[in-house]
C-alpha cells in the first residue's frame, strides 16, 4: 500500500512564503510524475505544478515565477516552494504521484491547508 503525506501548510500574510512537502511511503518500486494540485473553496481542483522523474517541471500560469516544484527521488519526496503568496493562492493543496507498486497507479495525499491573508 502506498501513502502520500503532505506537510508545511499554514497561515501566512500576502507576500510571504511557505514550503510544502509530500513524502511517499509503502511498497514503492518506482515513482513517475509527481504533482501539486490545489482546491479553493467553491472551486474545482486545479493543477499547480508537475515534475517528472528526470526533473522537468511545468507550472500553472498563475504561479509561474513564484512557485518552484522539486523532488528528492532517493526519499520519494516532492516539494513546493511558494513565494510572493497572494490571497488567491488560498486553498487545500494536494500532492499526487504515479507510483509503480508493483502495478502502476495514481495516489493522492490527504491535503494541507494554505491560507494567505491580505
Protein backbone atom coordinates (compact mmCIF):
# COMPACT_ATOMS: atom_id res chain seq x y z
CA UNK A 1 0.00 0.00 0.00
CA UNK A 2 1.22 3.49 -0.88
CA UNK A 3 0.69 6.56 1.27
CA UNK A 4 1.38 10.21 0.50
CA UNK A 5 1.59 12.63 3.40
CA UNK A 6 1.72 16.40 2.91
CA UNK A 7 3.05 18.90 5.42
CA UNK A 8 4.04 22.55 5.61
CA UNK A 9 0.74 24.33 5.16
CA UNK A 10 -0.39 27.16 7.38
CA UNK A 11 -1.42 30.79 7.63
CA UNK A 12 0.79 33.44 6.06
CA UNK A 13 0.44 37.08 5.11
CA UNK A 14 0.37 38.18 1.49
CA UNK A 15 3.90 38.42 0.15
CA UNK A 16 5.12 35.67 2.44
CA UNK A 17 6.46 32.20 1.70
CA UNK A 18 5.69 28.61 2.56
CA UNK A 19 7.32 25.32 1.66
CA UNK A 20 5.14 22.25 1.25
CA UNK A 21 6.48 18.71 1.43
CA UNK A 22 4.92 15.43 0.37
CA UNK A 23 6.51 12.14 1.29
CA UNK A 24 5.51 8.86 -0.34
CA UNK A 25 5.92 5.60 1.55
CA UNK A 26 4.97 1.96 1.27
CA UNK A 27 5.73 -0.75 -1.24
CA UNK A 28 7.19 1.56 -3.88
CA UNK A 29 9.15 0.24 -6.83
CA UNK A 30 9.30 3.49 -8.78
CA UNK A 31 7.63 6.90 -8.99
CA UNK A 32 6.98 8.67 -12.28
CA UNK A 33 5.39 12.12 -12.27
CA UNK A 34 4.64 13.95 -9.03
CA UNK A 35 2.23 16.87 -8.93
CA UNK A 36 0.74 19.53 -6.70
CA UNK A 37 -2.92 20.48 -7.04
CA UNK A 38 -4.98 22.94 -5.07
CA UNK A 39 -8.65 23.47 -4.42
CA UNK A 40 -10.09 26.78 -3.30
CA UNK A 41 -13.49 26.91 -1.58
CA UNK A 42 -16.26 26.52 -4.13
CA UNK A 43 -13.85 25.86 -6.98
CA UNK A 44 -12.60 22.82 -8.83
CA UNK A 45 -9.26 21.27 -8.05
CA UNK A 46 -6.57 22.70 -10.33
CA UNK A 47 -3.08 21.60 -11.26
CA UNK A 48 -0.44 23.89 -9.81
CA UNK A 49 2.83 22.22 -10.78
CA UNK A 50 4.17 18.92 -12.04
CA UNK A 51 7.62 17.36 -12.16
CA UNK A 52 8.89 14.28 -13.97
CA UNK A 53 11.26 11.72 -12.52
CA UNK A 54 14.02 13.37 -14.53
CA UNK A 55 13.26 16.78 -13.06
CA UNK A 56 11.36 18.52 -15.84
CA UNK A 57 8.71 20.81 -14.41
CA UNK A 58 5.66 22.72 -15.57
CA UNK A 59 3.54 25.29 -13.82
CA UNK A 60 0.12 26.86 -13.99
CA UNK A 61 0.34 30.35 -15.43
CA UNK A 62 -0.98 31.79 -12.17
CA UNK A 63 2.06 30.59 -10.19
CA UNK A 64 4.90 30.86 -12.73
CA UNK A 65 7.81 32.81 -11.34
CA UNK A 66 6.54 32.47 -7.76
CA UNK A 67 6.37 28.72 -7.09
CA UNK A 68 9.08 26.11 -7.56
CA UNK A 69 8.50 22.36 -7.56
CA UNK A 70 11.36 19.99 -6.79
CA UNK A 71 11.78 16.37 -5.76
CA UNK A 72 14.15 14.08 -3.91
CA UNK A 73 13.96 10.73 -5.69
CA UNK A 74 16.06 8.96 -3.07
CA UNK A 75 13.49 9.82 -0.40
CA UNK A 76 10.34 9.72 -2.57
CA UNK A 77 9.53 13.31 -1.65
CA UNK A 78 8.24 16.26 -3.63
CA UNK A 79 8.37 19.89 -2.51
CA UNK A 80 6.60 23.09 -3.45
CA UNK A 81 8.34 26.33 -2.55
CA UNK A 82 5.78 29.12 -2.65
CA UNK A 83 6.98 32.72 -2.63
CA UNK A 84 5.19 36.06 -3.02
CA UNK A 85 1.98 34.44 -1.89
CA UNK A 86 -1.33 36.07 -2.74
CA UNK A 87 -4.75 35.70 -1.12
CA UNK A 88 -5.92 33.88 -4.25
CA UNK A 89 -3.37 31.14 -3.50
CA UNK A 90 -5.53 30.12 -0.54
CA UNK A 91 -6.84 26.57 -0.66
CA UNK A 92 -6.17 22.96 0.18
CA UNK A 93 -3.02 21.72 -1.51
CA UNK A 94 -2.81 18.08 -2.54
CA UNK A 95 0.08 16.10 -3.89
CA UNK A 96 -0.27 13.11 -6.13
CA UNK A 97 2.13 10.66 -7.66
CA UNK A 98 2.11 7.97 -10.30
CA UNK A 99 3.62 5.01 -8.50
CA UNK A 100 4.67 1.51 -9.53
CA UNK A 101 3.92 -0.71 -6.52
CA UNK A 102 4.15 -3.18 -8.36
CA UNK A 103 1.32 -2.11 -10.66
CA UNK A 104 1.14 1.49 -11.86
CA UNK A 105 -1.39 3.58 -10.02
CA UNK A 106 -2.13 7.18 -9.05
CA UNK A 107 -2.10 8.02 -5.37
CA UNK A 108 -3.18 11.15 -3.52
CA UNK A 109 -2.30 12.74 -0.22
CA UNK A 110 -4.86 13.98 2.28
CA UNK A 111 -4.19 17.66 1.61
CA UNK A 112 -2.76 20.54 3.59
CA UNK A 113 -4.44 23.91 4.12
CA UNK A 114 -2.75 27.08 2.91
CA UNK A 115 -4.32 30.37 3.91
CA UNK A 116 -2.95 33.70 2.69
CA UNK A 117 -4.28 36.78 4.44
CA UNK A 118 -4.39 40.19 2.80
